[in-house]
């Protein structure tokens, strides 16, 4: 896990404006989603899933941020990033009919362009705008660049944790996710070998819903902050996901490894 220290942000925006700015951005996002409405039921379902996800991730950034003891300017910035992190998803799905970045367009890159094209960050200073733009761009990448500023990397890690946390909610609450993989219980041995070796696995390598669930479990090794792990533990996400996996000696061994990693982390505060 990463240290929880956040680079101090100066208060470029008065605290009494935080709610007004956030509410304006939320209104824009909801209007943007509605403007892409479709009579296609699958499209409506996909948009609703991502609408809720965007709002939930914003909430999760606050939950994690408070656990880290972030000050109000950093919390406000994190919440804004959470709200806008998937803004590219809606144009992606409307244009390509999929959330698959590898057969359509990178939604992080598209989100950064969407934010810039619509002047959404006019209330922020150049330093804050750079953090928001870059974290939207980086939030879905396999790894983060090593040559970025401390502030960008901190907020990128925070949004990646919050994103994973809400995806855990989504996949724990439903058996079928719009745009997901075939609901098969097959898991390739090569995938298991990569995961057991500690390698990251991207969506492009997945062939079944069971493989996706196993990849989600593997995210436990890519969580950056202790408060995120605590929330995963409190919500029993690993137990829920592992219960719907097929059982085999190697699958069970990987699940045990993930559980042991989670159990070894700092226990919840009393």
Protein backbone atom coordinates (compact mmCIF):
# COMPACT_ATOMS: atom_id res chain seq x y z
CA UNK A 1 0.00 0.00 0.00
CA UNK A 2 0.99 3.59 -0.58
CA UNK A 3 1.63 6.10 2.21
CA UNK A 4 -1.48 8.15 2.91
CA UNK A 5 0.16 11.55 2.71
CA UNK A 6 -1.52 13.91 0.25
CA UNK A 7 0.40 16.87 -1.17
CA UNK A 8 -1.06 19.99 0.40
CA UNK A 9 -3.33 21.95 -1.93
CA UNK A 10 -3.79 25.68 -1.54
CA UNK A 11 -7.38 26.88 -1.33
CA UNK A 12 -7.70 28.37 -4.81
CA UNK A 13 -11.48 28.06 -4.48
CA UNK A 14 -13.24 29.40 -1.35
CA UNK A 15 -14.73 26.55 0.66
CA UNK A 16 -18.17 28.16 0.57
CA UNK A 17 -18.23 27.59 -3.21
CA UNK A 18 -17.49 23.85 -3.12
CA UNK A 19 -21.12 22.72 -3.08
CA UNK A 20 -22.19 25.15 -5.81
CA UNK A 21 -19.38 24.07 -8.14
CA UNK A 22 -19.95 20.38 -7.48
CA UNK A 23 -23.71 20.71 -8.00
CA UNK A 24 -23.12 22.52 -11.30
CA UNK A 25 -20.83 19.73 -12.49
CA UNK A 26 -23.29 17.06 -11.38
CA UNK A 27 -26.13 18.87 -13.20
CA UNK A 28 -23.99 19.07 -16.34
CA UNK A 29 -23.18 15.35 -16.15
CA UNK A 30 -26.81 14.29 -15.70
CA UNK A 31 -27.88 16.58 -18.56
CA UNK A 32 -25.07 15.20 -20.72
CA UNK A 33 -26.25 11.64 -20.06
CA UNK A 34 -29.88 12.54 -20.80
CA UNK A 35 -28.86 14.24 -24.06
CA UNK A 36 -27.46 10.91 -25.25
CA UNK A 37 -30.66 9.07 -24.39
CA UNK A 38 -31.76 6.25 -26.62
CA UNK A 39 -34.89 4.20 -27.21
CA UNK A 40 -32.60 1.17 -27.11
CA UNK A 41 -33.23 -0.63 -23.82
CA UNK A 42 -29.69 -1.95 -23.60
CA UNK A 43 -28.28 1.53 -24.04
CA UNK A 44 -30.56 2.97 -21.35
CA UNK A 45 -29.56 0.21 -18.95
CA UNK A 46 -25.86 0.77 -19.66
CA UNK A 47 -26.17 4.54 -19.19
CA UNK A 48 -28.07 4.11 -15.92
CA UNK A 49 -25.40 1.74 -14.64
CA UNK A 50 -22.67 4.28 -15.36
CA UNK A 51 -24.72 7.21 -14.04
CA UNK A 52 -25.08 5.50 -10.68
CA UNK A 53 -21.44 4.39 -10.79
CA UNK A 54 -20.24 7.98 -11.32
CA UNK A 55 -22.20 9.25 -8.32
CA UNK A 56 -21.13 6.33 -6.15
CA UNK A 57 -17.44 6.70 -7.02
CA UNK A 58 -17.64 10.36 -6.02
CA UNK A 59 -18.99 9.22 -2.64
CA UNK A 60 -16.28 6.56 -2.33
CA UNK A 61 -13.51 9.10 -2.91
CA UNK A 62 -14.86 11.03 0.07
CA UNK A 63 -15.07 7.89 2.23
CA UNK A 64 -11.49 6.91 1.42
CA UNK A 65 -10.27 10.50 1.65
CA UNK A 66 -11.77 10.98 5.10
CA UNK A 67 -10.13 7.74 6.17
CA UNK A 68 -6.84 9.26 5.04
CA UNK A 69 -7.54 12.49 6.92
CA UNK A 70 -7.61 14.66 3.81
CA UNK A 71 -8.31 18.36 4.25
CA UNK A 72 -11.35 19.99 2.55
CA UNK A 73 -9.54 21.24 -0.61
CA UNK A 74 -8.18 17.76 -1.36
CA UNK A 75 -11.53 16.12 -0.55
CA UNK A 76 -13.34 18.50 -2.90
CA UNK A 77 -10.86 17.81 -5.69
CA UNK A 78 -11.12 14.04 -5.14
CA UNK A 79 -14.93 14.15 -5.18
CA UNK A 80 -14.90 16.14 -8.42
CA UNK A 81 -12.57 13.61 -10.02
CA UNK A 82 -14.82 10.79 -8.84
CA UNK A 83 -17.87 12.41 -10.41
CA UNK A 84 -16.19 13.02 -13.77
CA UNK A 85 -13.83 10.04 -14.04
CA UNK A 86 -16.10 8.07 -16.42
CA UNK A 87 -17.50 10.99 -18.40
CA UNK A 88 -16.08 9.46 -21.59
CA UNK A 89 -18.15 6.30 -21.14
CA UNK A 90 -21.37 7.78 -22.49
CA UNK A 91 -20.04 8.97 -25.84
CA UNK A 92 -18.07 5.72 -26.07
CA UNK A 93 -21.20 3.59 -25.70
CA UNK A 94 -23.36 5.77 -27.92
CA UNK A 95 -20.78 5.67 -30.71
CA UNK A 96 -19.48 2.12 -30.44
CA UNK A 97 -22.18 0.24 -28.52
CA UNK A 98 -19.67 -1.12 -26.02
CA UNK A 99 -17.67 -0.26 -22.91
CA UNK A 100 -14.75 -2.31 -24.22
CA UNK A 101 -11.84 0.11 -24.63
CA UNK A 102 -9.89 -2.38 -26.71
CA UNK A 103 -12.50 -2.67 -29.46
CA UNK A 104 -13.59 0.98 -29.40
CA UNK A 105 -11.76 3.91 -27.79
CA UNK A 106 -9.93 4.54 -24.52
CA UNK A 107 -12.59 6.06 -22.27
CA UNK A 108 -10.02 7.72 -20.00
CA UNK A 109 -8.50 9.62 -22.91
CA UNK A 110 -11.97 10.44 -24.25
CA UNK A 111 -13.06 11.65 -20.82
CA UNK A 112 -10.14 14.05 -20.58
CA UNK A 113 -11.06 15.50 -23.98
CA UNK A 114 -14.74 15.75 -23.02
CA UNK A 115 -13.95 17.69 -19.85
CA UNK A 116 -11.72 20.12 -21.76
CA UNK A 117 -14.13 20.56 -24.68
CA UNK A 118 -17.03 21.49 -22.41
CA UNK A 119 -15.18 23.95 -20.18
CA UNK A 120 -16.02 21.98 -17.06
CA UNK A 121 -12.92 23.06 -15.16
CA UNK A 122 -13.17 26.82 -15.61
CA UNK A 123 -13.67 27.32 -11.85
CA UNK A 124 -10.36 25.61 -11.05
CA UNK A 125 -6.86 27.03 -11.18
CA UNK A 126 -4.31 25.62 -13.70
CA UNK A 127 -2.72 23.33 -11.09
CA UNK A 128 -6.07 21.80 -10.11
CA UNK A 129 -7.17 21.51 -13.75
CA UNK A 130 -4.04 19.53 -14.53
CA UNK A 131 -4.69 17.14 -11.64
CA UNK A 132 -8.30 16.55 -12.70
CA UNK A 133 -7.53 16.12 -16.41
CA UNK A 134 -4.62 13.76 -15.86
CA UNK A 135 -6.32 11.61 -13.25
CA UNK A 136 -9.31 11.15 -15.56
CA UNK A 137 -6.88 10.12 -18.30
CA UNK A 138 -4.92 7.76 -16.05
CA UNK A 139 -7.71 6.21 -14.00
CA UNK A 140 -8.21 3.23 -16.33
CA UNK A 141 -4.63 2.57 -17.40
CA UNK A 142 -2.87 -0.68 -16.50
CA UNK A 143 -0.18 1.28 -14.67
CA UNK A 144 0.61 4.88 -13.76
CA UNK A 145 3.52 6.84 -15.24
CA UNK A 146 6.52 7.16 -12.96
CA UNK A 147 7.40 10.70 -14.00
CA UNK A 148 4.23 12.47 -12.84
CA UNK A 149 3.91 14.98 -10.02
CA UNK A 150 3.24 13.79 -6.49
CA UNK A 151 -0.19 15.44 -6.50
CA UNK A 152 -1.30 13.83 -9.77
CA UNK A 153 -0.11 10.40 -8.66
CA UNK A 154 -1.82 10.69 -5.28
CA UNK A 155 -5.19 11.59 -6.80
CA UNK A 156 -4.79 9.01 -9.57
CA UNK A 157 -4.26 6.31 -6.94
CA UNK A 158 -7.23 7.56 -4.96
CA UNK A 159 -9.62 7.49 -7.93
CA UNK A 160 -8.36 4.05 -8.94
CA UNK A 161 -9.15 2.75 -5.45
CA UNK A 162 -12.60 4.39 -5.43
CA UNK A 163 -13.37 3.05 -8.91
CA UNK A 164 -12.45 -0.50 -7.90
CA UNK A 165 -14.46 -0.18 -4.71
CA UNK A 166 -17.67 0.66 -6.56
CA UNK A 167 -17.05 -1.93 -9.27
CA UNK A 168 -16.91 -4.45 -6.42
CA UNK A 169 -20.39 -3.23 -5.43
CA UNK A 170 -21.71 -3.58 -8.99
CA UNK A 171 -20.40 -7.10 -9.58
CA UNK A 172 -21.45 -8.23 -6.09
CA UNK A 173 -25.04 -7.06 -6.56
CA UNK A 174 -25.77 -8.55 -9.97
CA UNK A 175 -24.98 -11.70 -11.90
CA UNK A 176 -25.05 -10.02 -15.30
CA UNK A 177 -23.48 -6.64 -16.04
CA UNK A 178 -24.45 -4.89 -19.31
CA UNK A 179 -21.71 -5.31 -21.89
CA UNK A 180 -20.00 -8.00 -19.84
CA UNK A 181 -18.50 -11.29 -20.97
CA UNK A 182 -20.34 -14.58 -21.64
CA UNK A 183 -21.63 -16.08 -18.38
CA UNK A 184 -19.38 -19.13 -18.45
CA UNK A 185 -17.50 -20.70 -15.54
CA UNK A 186 -14.37 -21.54 -17.50
CA UNK A 187 -11.02 -20.10 -16.37
CA UNK A 188 -7.91 -20.51 -18.50
CA UNK A 189 -4.87 -22.04 -16.82
CA UNK A 190 -2.68 -19.33 -18.37
CA UNK A 191 -4.76 -16.66 -16.64
CA UNK A 192 -4.43 -18.42 -13.30
CA UNK A 193 -0.68 -18.71 -13.78
CA UNK A 194 -0.38 -14.98 -14.47
CA UNK A 195 -2.46 -14.07 -11.43
CA UNK A 196 -0.59 -16.44 -9.12
CA UNK A 197 2.65 -14.88 -10.36
CA UNK A 198 1.39 -11.44 -9.35
CA UNK A 199 0.90 -10.16 -12.88
CA UNK A 200 -1.82 -7.66 -13.73
CA UNK A 201 -4.45 -8.91 -16.15
CA UNK A 202 -6.38 -6.56 -18.42
CA UNK A 203 -9.93 -6.89 -19.72
CA UNK A 204 -8.60 -7.72 -23.19
CA UNK A 205 -7.35 -11.08 -21.89
CA UNK A 206 -10.69 -12.21 -20.43
CA UNK A 207 -12.98 -14.71 -22.12
CA UNK A 208 -15.64 -15.47 -19.50
CA UNK A 209 -17.54 -14.01 -16.56
CA UNK A 210 -15.65 -16.32 -14.21
CA UNK A 211 -12.33 -14.95 -15.45
CA UNK A 212 -13.61 -11.43 -14.87
CA UNK A 213 -14.59 -12.27 -11.30
CA UNK A 214 -11.17 -13.76 -10.66
CA UNK A 215 -9.54 -10.63 -12.09
CA UNK A 216 -11.69 -8.52 -9.76
CA UNK A 217 -10.46 -10.58 -6.80
CA UNK A 218 -6.88 -9.98 -7.97
CA UNK A 219 -7.44 -6.24 -7.59
CA UNK A 220 -6.95 -6.69 -3.85
CA UNK A 221 -3.20 -6.73 -4.59
CA UNK A 222 -3.45 -3.41 -6.46
CA UNK A 223 -5.19 -1.33 -3.77
CA UNK A 224 -3.26 1.76 -2.77
CA UNK A 225 -4.70 2.85 0.58
CA UNK A 226 -5.57 1.16 3.86
CA UNK A 227 -9.06 2.75 4.17
CA UNK A 228 -10.00 1.14 0.85
CA UNK A 229 -8.94 -2.29 2.10
CA UNK A 230 -10.89 -1.71 5.29
CA UNK A 231 -14.06 -0.93 3.31
CA UNK A 232 -13.58 -4.02 1.13
CA UNK A 233 -13.23 -6.08 4.28
CA UNK A 234 -16.27 -4.54 5.98
CA UNK A 235 -18.46 -5.16 2.92
CA UNK A 236 -17.32 -8.77 2.44
CA UNK A 237 -16.69 -8.27 -1.28
CA UNK A 238 -14.07 -11.03 -1.54
CA UNK A 239 -16.41 -13.51 0.14
CA UNK A 240 -19.27 -12.62 -2.20
CA UNK A 241 -17.17 -12.87 -5.36
CA UNK A 242 -15.36 -16.05 -4.38
CA UNK A 243 -18.66 -17.77 -3.54
CA UNK A 244 -19.78 -17.60 -7.18
CA UNK A 245 -16.50 -18.82 -8.66
CA UNK A 246 -16.05 -22.41 -9.84
CA UNK A 247 -13.97 -24.45 -7.42
CA UNK A 248 -10.64 -26.04 -8.25
CA UNK A 249 -7.39 -26.52 -6.37
CA UNK A 250 -5.65 -23.62 -8.14
CA UNK A 251 -8.63 -21.25 -8.04
CA UNK A 252 -9.13 -21.96 -4.34
CA UNK A 253 -5.41 -21.37 -3.72
CA UNK A 254 -5.57 -17.97 -5.39
CA UNK A 255 -8.67 -16.97 -3.44
CA UNK A 256 -6.92 -17.99 -0.20
CA UNK A 257 -3.93 -15.89 -1.18
CA UNK A 258 -6.20 -12.87 -1.72
CA UNK A 259 -7.99 -13.41 1.59
CA UNK A 260 -4.69 -13.75 3.44
CA UNK A 261 -3.45 -10.52 1.88
CA UNK A 262 -6.59 -8.69 2.99
CA UNK A 263 -6.48 -10.20 6.49
CA UNK A 264 -2.85 -9.18 6.90
CA UNK A 265 -3.66 -5.50 6.49
CA UNK A 266 -4.17 -3.10 9.36
CA UNK A 267 -7.41 -4.04 11.19
CA UNK A 268 -10.37 -1.64 11.20
CA UNK A 269 -10.19 1.15 13.76
CA UNK A 270 -12.33 0.52 16.82
